[in-house]
Amino acid sequence: DVLRCDQRFKEFRGDIILGVGGGRPLDVA
């Protein structure tokens, strides 16, 4: 999940990350 998220973020070229959820999504964020 982390690797996929990192790739997706790079493709999106985001400025900031929001983690919305419990422990797992917050860890990935």
PDB file of all heavy atoms in Angstrom:
ATOM      1  N   ASP A   1       0.832  -1.205   0.000  1.00  0.00           N
ATOM      2  CA  ASP A   1       0.000   0.000   0.000  1.00  0.00           C
ATOM      3  C   ASP A   1       0.866   1.254   0.000  1.00  0.00           C
ATOM      4  O   ASP A   1       0.588   2.227  -0.708  1.00  0.00           O
ATOM      5  CB  ASP A   1      -0.917   0.020   1.231  1.00  0.00           C
ATOM      6  CG  ASP A   1      -2.309  -0.518   0.933  1.00  0.00           C
ATOM      7  OD1 ASP A   1      -2.636  -0.709  -0.257  1.00  0.00           O
ATOM      8  OD2 ASP A   1      -3.076  -0.741   1.884  1.00  0.00           O
ATOM      9  N   VAL A   2       1.925   1.231   0.803  1.00  0.00           N
ATOM     10  CA  VAL A   2       2.822   2.386   0.890  1.00  0.00           C
ATOM     11  C   VAL A   2       3.476   2.669  -0.460  1.00  0.00           C
ATOM     12  O   VAL A   2       3.524   3.819  -0.919  1.00  0.00           O
ATOM     13  CB  VAL A   2       3.898   2.159   1.968  1.00  0.00           C
ATOM     14  CG1 VAL A   2       4.930   3.286   1.933  1.00  0.00           C
ATOM     15  CG2 VAL A   2       3.274   2.076   3.355  1.00  0.00           C
ATOM     16  N   LEU A   3       3.968   1.628  -1.107  1.00  0.00           N
ATOM     17  CA  LEU A   3       4.633   1.807  -2.404  1.00  0.00           C
ATOM     18  C   LEU A   3       3.664   2.306  -3.467  1.00  0.00           C
ATOM     19  O   LEU A   3       4.006   3.183  -4.279  1.00  0.00           O
ATOM     20  CB  LEU A   3       5.274   0.488  -2.837  1.00  0.00           C
ATOM     21  CG  LEU A   3       6.435   0.000  -1.964  1.00  0.00           C
ATOM     22  CD1 LEU A   3       6.858  -1.406  -2.355  1.00  0.00           C
ATOM     23  CD2 LEU A   3       7.613   0.965  -2.043  1.00  0.00           C
ATOM     24  N   ARG A   4       2.445   1.763  -3.461  1.00  0.00           N
ATOM     25  CA  ARG A   4       1.437   2.226  -4.423  1.00  0.00           C
ATOM     26  C   ARG A   4       1.043   3.670  -4.148  1.00  0.00           C
ATOM     27  O   ARG A   4       0.867   4.471  -5.075  1.00  0.00           O
ATOM     28  CB  ARG A   4       0.197   1.325  -4.375  1.00  0.00           C
ATOM     29  CG  ARG A   4       0.395  -0.043  -5.035  1.00  0.00           C
ATOM     30  CD  ARG A   4      -0.933  -0.744  -5.215  1.00  0.00           C
ATOM     31  NE  ARG A   4      -1.541  -1.088  -3.937  1.00  0.00           N
ATOM     32  CZ  ARG A   4      -1.372  -2.244  -3.322  1.00  0.00           C
ATOM     33  NH1 ARG A   4      -0.586  -3.170  -3.853  1.00  0.00           N
ATOM     34  NH2 ARG A   4      -1.968  -2.488  -2.171  1.00  0.00           N
ATOM     35  N   CYS A   5       0.913   3.998  -2.873  1.00  0.00           N
ATOM     36  CA  CYS A   5       0.550   5.354  -2.485  1.00  0.00           C
ATOM     37  C   CYS A   5       1.625   6.349  -2.899  1.00  0.00           C
ATOM     38  O   CYS A   5       1.338   7.423  -3.426  1.00  0.00           O
ATOM     39  CB  CYS A   5       0.320   5.417  -0.971  1.00  0.00           C
ATOM     40  SG  CYS A   5      -0.283   6.998  -0.359  1.00  0.00           S
ATOM     41  N   ASP A   6       2.878   5.983  -2.678  1.00  0.00           N
ATOM     42  CA  ASP A   6       3.995   6.851  -3.045  1.00  0.00           C
ATOM     43  C   ASP A   6       4.011   7.115  -4.546  1.00  0.00           C
ATOM     44  O   ASP A   6       4.200   8.256  -4.994  1.00  0.00           O
ATOM     45  CB  ASP A   6       5.300   6.192  -2.605  1.00  0.00           C
ATOM     46  CG  ASP A   6       6.520   6.994  -2.998  1.00  0.00           C
ATOM     47  OD1 ASP A   6       6.617   8.163  -2.574  1.00  0.00           O
ATOM     48  OD2 ASP A   6       7.371   6.461  -3.731  1.00  0.00           O
ATOM     49  N   GLN A   7       3.790   6.063  -5.348  1.00  0.00           N
ATOM     50  CA  GLN A   7       3.765   6.219  -6.797  1.00  0.00           C
ATOM     51  C   GLN A   7       2.616   7.117  -7.238  1.00  0.00           C
ATOM     52  O   GLN A   7       2.777   8.001  -8.087  1.00  0.00           O
ATOM     53  CB  GLN A   7       3.643   4.847  -7.465  1.00  0.00           C
ATOM     54  CG  GLN A   7       3.647   4.891  -8.987  1.00  0.00           C
ATOM     55  CD  GLN A   7       4.925   5.483  -9.562  1.00  0.00           C
ATOM     56  OE1 GLN A   7       6.001   5.296  -8.998  1.00  0.00           O
ATOM     57  NE2 GLN A   7       4.809   6.204 -10.674  1.00  0.00           N
ATOM     58  N   ARG A   8       1.449   6.896  -6.638  1.00  0.00           N
ATOM     59  CA  ARG A   8       0.267   7.700  -6.979  1.00  0.00           C
ATOM     60  C   ARG A   8       0.484   9.170  -6.617  1.00  0.00           C
ATOM     61  O   ARG A   8       0.106  10.071  -7.363  1.00  0.00           O
ATOM     62  CB  ARG A   8      -0.939   7.130  -6.233  1.00  0.00           C
ATOM     63  CG  ARG A   8      -2.229   7.890  -6.406  1.00  0.00           C
ATOM     64  CD  ARG A   8      -2.978   7.494  -7.673  1.00  0.00           C
ATOM     65  NE  ARG A   8      -4.346   7.946  -7.517  1.00  0.00           N
ATOM     66  CZ  ARG A   8      -5.339   7.190  -7.038  1.00  0.00           C
ATOM     67  NH1 ARG A   8      -5.112   5.915  -6.702  1.00  0.00           N
ATOM     68  NH2 ARG A   8      -6.563   7.668  -6.918  1.00  0.00           N
ATOM     69  N   PHE A   9       1.110   9.404  -5.459  1.00  0.00           N
ATOM     70  CA  PHE A   9       1.368  10.782  -5.041  1.00  0.00           C
ATOM     71  C   PHE A   9       2.307  11.486  -6.020  1.00  0.00           C
ATOM     72  O   PHE A   9       2.102  12.648  -6.368  1.00  0.00           O
ATOM     73  CB  PHE A   9       1.973  10.807  -3.635  1.00  0.00           C
ATOM     74  CG  PHE A   9       2.309  12.188  -3.152  1.00  0.00           C
ATOM     75  CD1 PHE A   9       1.331  12.999  -2.601  1.00  0.00           C
ATOM     76  CD2 PHE A   9       3.607  12.687  -3.255  1.00  0.00           C
ATOM     77  CE1 PHE A   9       1.631  14.283  -2.161  1.00  0.00           C
ATOM     78  CE2 PHE A   9       3.909  13.967  -2.827  1.00  0.00           C
ATOM     79  CZ  PHE A   9       2.924  14.765  -2.271  1.00  0.00           C
ATOM     80  N   LYS A  10       3.342  10.772  -6.439  1.00  0.00           N
ATOM     81  CA  LYS A  10       4.290  11.363  -7.383  1.00  0.00           C
ATOM     82  C   LYS A  10       3.622  11.688  -8.712  1.00  0.00           C
ATOM     83  O   LYS A  10       3.912  12.718  -9.345  1.00  0.00           O
ATOM     84  CB  LYS A  10       5.472  10.412  -7.596  1.00  0.00           C
ATOM     85  CG  LYS A  10       6.446  10.343  -6.420  1.00  0.00           C
ATOM     86  CD  LYS A  10       7.561   9.363  -6.687  1.00  0.00           C
ATOM     87  CE  LYS A  10       8.695   9.497  -5.673  1.00  0.00           C
ATOM     88  NZ  LYS A  10       8.297   9.268  -4.298  1.00  0.00           N
ATOM     89  N   GLU A  11       2.729  10.823  -9.151  1.00  0.00           N
ATOM     90  CA  GLU A  11       2.009  11.068 -10.405  1.00  0.00           C
ATOM     91  C   GLU A  11       1.078  12.273 -10.280  1.00  0.00           C
ATOM     92  O   GLU A  11       0.927  13.063 -11.206  1.00  0.00           O
ATOM     93  CB  GLU A  11       1.206   9.833 -10.796  1.00  0.00           C
ATOM     94  CG  GLU A  11       2.077   8.638 -11.188  1.00  0.00           C
ATOM     95  CD  GLU A  11       1.288   7.362 -11.350  1.00  0.00           C
ATOM     96  OE1 GLU A  11       0.061   7.379 -11.072  1.00  0.00           O
ATOM     97  OE2 GLU A  11       1.886   6.326 -11.731  1.00  0.00           O
ATOM     98  N   PHE A  12       0.466  12.412  -9.111  1.00  0.00           N
ATOM     99  CA  PHE A  12      -0.455  13.533  -8.868  1.00  0.00           C
ATOM    100  C   PHE A  12       0.296  14.842  -8.654  1.00  0.00           C
ATOM    101  O   PHE A  12      -0.230  15.923  -8.908  1.00  0.00           O
ATOM    102  CB  PHE A  12      -1.327  13.216  -7.650  1.00  0.00           C
ATOM    103  CG  PHE A  12      -2.284  14.305  -7.264  1.00  0.00           C
ATOM    104  CD1 PHE A  12      -3.318  14.691  -8.112  1.00  0.00           C
ATOM    105  CD2 PHE A  12      -2.160  14.950  -6.034  1.00  0.00           C
ATOM    106  CE1 PHE A  12      -4.210  15.702  -7.741  1.00  0.00           C
ATOM    107  CE2 PHE A  12      -3.044  15.954  -5.662  1.00  0.00           C
ATOM    108  CZ  PHE A  12      -4.072  16.324  -6.514  1.00  0.00           C
ATOM    109  N   ARG A  13       1.540  14.745  -8.170  1.00  0.00           N
ATOM    110  CA  ARG A  13       2.364  15.908  -7.843  1.00  0.00           C
ATOM    111  C   ARG A  13       1.670  16.779  -6.799  1.00  0.00           C
ATOM    112  O   ARG A  13       1.455  17.980  -6.988  1.00  0.00           O
ATOM    113  CB  ARG A  13       2.702  16.715  -9.106  1.00  0.00           C
ATOM    114  CG  ARG A  13       3.483  15.941 -10.142  1.00  0.00           C
ATOM    115  CD  ARG A  13       4.063  16.845 -11.207  1.00  0.00           C
ATOM    116  NE  ARG A  13       3.039  17.654 -11.870  1.00  0.00           N
ATOM    117  CZ  ARG A  13       2.293  17.245 -12.875  1.00  0.00           C
ATOM    118  NH1 ARG A  13       2.451  16.019 -13.355  1.00  0.00           N
ATOM    119  NH2 ARG A  13       1.401  18.044 -13.426  1.00  0.00           N
ATOM    120  N   GLY A  14       1.336  16.140  -5.676  1.00  0.00           N
ATOM    121  CA  GLY A  14       0.624  16.840  -4.611  1.00  0.00           C
ATOM    122  C   GLY A  14       1.503  17.780  -3.810  1.00  0.00           C
ATOM    123  O   GLY A  14       2.736  17.690  -3.833  1.00  0.00           O
ATOM    124  N   ASP A  15       0.850  18.681  -3.099  1.00  0.00           N
ATOM    125  CA  ASP A  15       1.544  19.654  -2.258  1.00  0.00           C
ATOM    126  C   ASP A  15       1.515  19.272  -0.779  1.00  0.00           C
ATOM    127  O   ASP A  15       2.413  19.640  -0.030  1.00  0.00           O
ATOM    128  CB  ASP A  15       0.894  21.041  -2.407  1.00  0.00           C
ATOM    129  CG  ASP A  15       1.007  21.581  -3.821  1.00  0.00           C
ATOM    130  OD1 ASP A  15       2.111  21.498  -4.394  1.00  0.00           O
ATOM    131  OD2 ASP A  15      -0.011  22.072  -4.356  1.00  0.00           O
ATOM    132  N   ILE A  16       0.484  18.573  -0.373  1.00  0.00           N
ATOM    133  CA  ILE A  16       0.310  18.221   1.031  1.00  0.00           C
ATOM    134  C   ILE A  16      -0.524  16.944   1.122  1.00  0.00           C
ATOM    135  O   ILE A  16      -1.304  16.642   0.206  1.00  0.00           O
ATOM    136  CB  ILE A  16      -0.371  19.375   1.811  1.00  0.00           C
ATOM    137  CG1 ILE A  16      -0.299  19.133   3.320  1.00  0.00           C
ATOM    138  CG2 ILE A  16      -1.803  19.582   1.350  1.00  0.00           C
ATOM    139  CD1 ILE A  16      -0.683  20.345   4.139  1.00  0.00           C
ATOM    140  N   ILE A  17      -0.339  16.188   2.192  1.00  0.00           N
ATOM    141  CA  ILE A  17      -1.049  14.918   2.347  1.00  0.00           C
ATOM    142  C   ILE A  17      -1.977  14.975   3.558  1.00  0.00           C
ATOM    143  O   ILE A  17      -1.574  15.410   4.644  1.00  0.00           O
ATOM    144  CB  ILE A  17      -0.058  13.753   2.502  1.00  0.00           C
ATOM    145  CG1 ILE A  17       0.717  13.551   1.196  1.00  0.00           C
ATOM    146  CG2 ILE A  17      -0.779  12.465   2.898  1.00  0.00           C
ATOM    147  CD1 ILE A  17       1.774  12.468   1.259  1.00  0.00           C
ATOM    148  N   LEU A  18      -3.203  14.545   3.355  1.00  0.00           N
ATOM    149  CA  LEU A  18      -4.168  14.382   4.433  1.00  0.00           C
ATOM    150  C   LEU A  18      -4.385  12.899   4.677  1.00  0.00           C
ATOM    151  O   LEU A  18      -4.647  12.147   3.740  1.00  0.00           O
ATOM    152  CB  LEU A  18      -5.524  15.016   4.063  1.00  0.00           C
ATOM    153  CG  LEU A  18      -5.817  16.441   4.523  1.00  0.00           C
ATOM    154  CD1 LEU A  18      -4.862  17.403   3.830  1.00  0.00           C
ATOM    155  CD2 LEU A  18      -7.254  16.813   4.225  1.00  0.00           C
ATOM    156  N   GLY A  19      -4.272  12.474   5.931  1.00  0.00           N
ATOM    157  CA  GLY A  19      -4.624  11.108   6.292  1.00  0.00           C
ATOM    158  C   GLY A  19      -5.976  11.127   6.966  1.00  0.00           C
ATOM    159  O   GLY A  19      -6.145  11.773   8.001  1.00  0.00           O
ATOM    160  N   VAL A  20      -6.953  10.450   6.379  1.00  0.00           N
ATOM    161  CA  VAL A  20      -8.312  10.423   6.928  1.00  0.00           C
ATOM    162  C   VAL A  20      -8.671   8.979   7.257  1.00  0.00           C
ATOM    163  O   VAL A  20      -8.822   8.155   6.354  1.00  0.00           O
ATOM    164  CB  VAL A  20      -9.343  11.011   5.936  1.00  0.00           C
ATOM    165  CG1 VAL A  20     -10.750  10.960   6.533  1.00  0.00           C
ATOM    166  CG2 VAL A  20      -8.981  12.443   5.561  1.00  0.00           C
ATOM    167  N   GLY A  21      -8.765   8.643   8.538  1.00  0.00           N
ATOM    168  CA  GLY A  21      -9.120   7.280   8.886  1.00  0.00           C
ATOM    169  C   GLY A  21      -8.521   6.850  10.204  1.00  0.00           C
ATOM    170  O   GLY A  21      -8.192   7.667  11.068  1.00  0.00           O
ATOM    171  N   GLY A  22      -8.363   5.519  10.353  1.00  0.00           N
ATOM    172  CA  GLY A  22      -7.763   4.945  11.551  1.00  0.00           C
ATOM    173  C   GLY A  22      -6.273   4.766  11.374  1.00  0.00           C
ATOM    174  O   GLY A  22      -5.634   5.440  10.561  1.00  0.00           O
ATOM    175  N   GLY A  23      -5.696   3.815  12.104  1.00  0.00           N
ATOM    176  CA  GLY A  23      -4.257   3.659  12.136  1.00  0.00           C
ATOM    177  C   GLY A  23      -3.598   3.370  10.807  1.00  0.00           C
ATOM    178  O   GLY A  23      -2.560   3.943  10.474  1.00  0.00           O
ATOM    179  N   ARG A  24      -4.179   2.473  10.009  1.00  0.00           N
ATOM    180  CA  ARG A  24      -3.527   2.058   8.765  1.00  0.00           C
ATOM    181  C   ARG A  24      -3.389   3.186   7.750  1.00  0.00           C
ATOM    182  O   ARG A  24      -2.283   3.451   7.267  1.00  0.00           O
ATOM    183  CB  ARG A  24      -4.270   0.867   8.170  1.00  0.00           C
ATOM    184  CG  ARG A  24      -4.137  -0.397   9.012  1.00  0.00           C
ATOM    185  CD  ARG A  24      -4.948  -1.536   8.455  1.00  0.00           C
ATOM    186  NE  ARG A  24      -4.838  -2.724   9.290  1.00  0.00           N
ATOM    187  CZ  ARG A  24      -5.485  -3.862   9.068  1.00  0.00           C
ATOM    188  NH1 ARG A  24      -6.299  -3.957   8.037  1.00  0.00           N
ATOM    189  NH2 ARG A  24      -5.325  -4.889   9.876  1.00  0.00           N
ATOM    190  N   PRO A  25      -4.465   3.874   7.389  1.00  0.00           N
ATOM    191  CA  PRO A  25      -4.293   4.980   6.431  1.00  0.00           C
ATOM    192  C   PRO A  25      -3.433   6.111   6.966  1.00  0.00           C
ATOM    193  O   PRO A  25      -2.692   6.745   6.202  1.00  0.00           O
ATOM    194  CB  PRO A  25      -5.729   5.441   6.146  1.00  0.00           C
ATOM    195  CG  PRO A  25      -6.563   4.873   7.230  1.00  0.00           C
ATOM    196  CD  PRO A  25      -5.888   3.617   7.672  1.00  0.00           C
ATOM    197  N   LEU A  26      -3.485   6.353   8.274  1.00  0.00           N
ATOM    198  CA  LEU A  26      -2.643   7.407   8.836  1.00  0.00           C
ATOM    199  C   LEU A  26      -1.172   7.021   8.737  1.00  0.00           C
ATOM    200  O   LEU A  26      -0.317   7.866   8.445  1.00  0.00           O
ATOM    201  CB  LEU A  26      -3.022   7.683  10.293  1.00  0.00           C
ATOM    202  CG  LEU A  26      -4.421   8.267  10.547  1.00  0.00           C
ATOM    203  CD1 LEU A  26      -4.565   8.651  12.023  1.00  0.00           C
ATOM    204  CD2 LEU A  26      -4.714   9.462   9.661  1.00  0.00           C
ATOM    205  N   ASP A  27      -0.854   5.748   8.963  1.00  0.00           N
ATOM    206  CA  ASP A  27       0.529   5.280   8.807  1.00  0.00           C
ATOM    207  C   ASP A  27       1.019   5.461   7.378  1.00  0.00           C
ATOM    208  O   ASP A  27       2.135   5.924   7.137  1.00  0.00           O
ATOM    209  CB  ASP A  27       0.631   3.798   9.187  1.00  0.00           C
ATOM    210  CG  ASP A  27       0.709   3.575  10.687  1.00  0.00           C
ATOM    211  OD1 ASP A  27       0.823   4.569  11.434  1.00  0.00           O
ATOM    212  OD2 ASP A  27       0.655   2.406  11.116  1.00  0.00           O
ATOM    213  N   VAL A  28       0.186   5.068   6.427  1.00  0.00           N
ATOM    214  CA  VAL A  28       0.558   5.185   5.010  1.00  0.00           C
ATOM    215  C   VAL A  28       0.753   6.650   4.635  1.00  0.00           C
ATOM    216  O   VAL A  28       1.693   7.006   3.905  1.00  0.00           O
ATOM    217  CB  VAL A  28      -0.501   4.511   4.111  1.00  0.00           C
ATOM    218  CG1 VAL A  28      -0.195   4.768   2.632  1.00  0.00           C
ATOM    219  CG2 VAL A  28      -0.552   3.009   4.377  1.00  0.00           C
ATOM    220  N   ALA A  29      -0.120   7.507   5.146  1.00  0.00           N
ATOM    221  CA  ALA A  29       0.004   8.939   4.865  1.00  0.00           C
ATOM    222  C   ALA A  29       1.298   9.498   5.448  1.00  0.00           C
ATOM    223  O   ALA A  29       2.010  10.284   4.803  1.00  0.00           O
ATOM    224  CB  ALA A  29      -1.198   9.689   5.439  1.00  0.00           C
TER     225      ALA A  29
END
